[in-house]
Amino acid sequence: MRNILRIMLSSILSGIIVSIGGIVFVYSKGSFENGAIIGSFLFSFALLLIIEYQLDLFTGKVCYFFHKENIYKLNLIFILLGNIIGAVLIGYFIRLTNNDLVNTTIFQIVNAKMSISLFSAFIMAFFCGIMIFFGVDIAKRSSNKLFSSLITILCIMIFILSGFEHSIANTFYYSLANIWNLKTIVYLLVIISGNFVGGIFFPLIFSLMGRLNTKEVAK
């Protein structure tokens, strides 16, 4: 029970941090000519903080789904729930400010996200999952913090500027725009699925390559 509570608190904090990254992206996009570039750079601080403080973010944790014990897989449900709670809370808190710039920009962002097909949303979420994997995994592997931080920043900027879909960031955007309905929920579920498949894609390929190399050496 204590472990679940710890996971929930850690996950809620991750949702809050991602949402702070989301709001700075919204402000930047609405304020500057090249605001998306500036915003994507500033957004990357969210993942850097989550990695540094070893908090639980669904899109990062899911990458190791097949390399962990069953309890880890079960905990992903609580992590996702906590992330969503944190993102929804901050989305509605920021909404209370009733900022005209935010209101205008967030509807542009959300309308663009909701105008694509569900298949497109899945594909864009899939590639987001891939970029999150590299952003997180390099931090685990590299002893050079400056190098790993740079790679993480680039991975975040790439997924944002490419229009890839991040389930927790989108949860914040949907809440800030207050557009929750059946369509929004369906899109979010598709994006969560895409993030999951994208997150495990390279780990599975790397695992297969490792097994093939082992068999080759055995010969």
Foldseek 3Di string as FASTA:
>chain_A
DVVLVVLLVLLLVLLQLLLVLLVQLLVQVLPDPPSNLVSLLSSLVSVVVCLVVVGQALLALLLCVPVDDPVSVVSSVSSVVSSLVNLLVVLQVVLVVVDPSSQVSLVVLVVVLLVDDLVVLLQLLLLLSQLSNQLNVLCVVDPDNVVSSVSSSVSSSVSSVVVRDDLSSVSNSCNNNVPDDPSSVSSSVSSSVSSSNSSHVVVVVVVVVVVVVVVVVVD
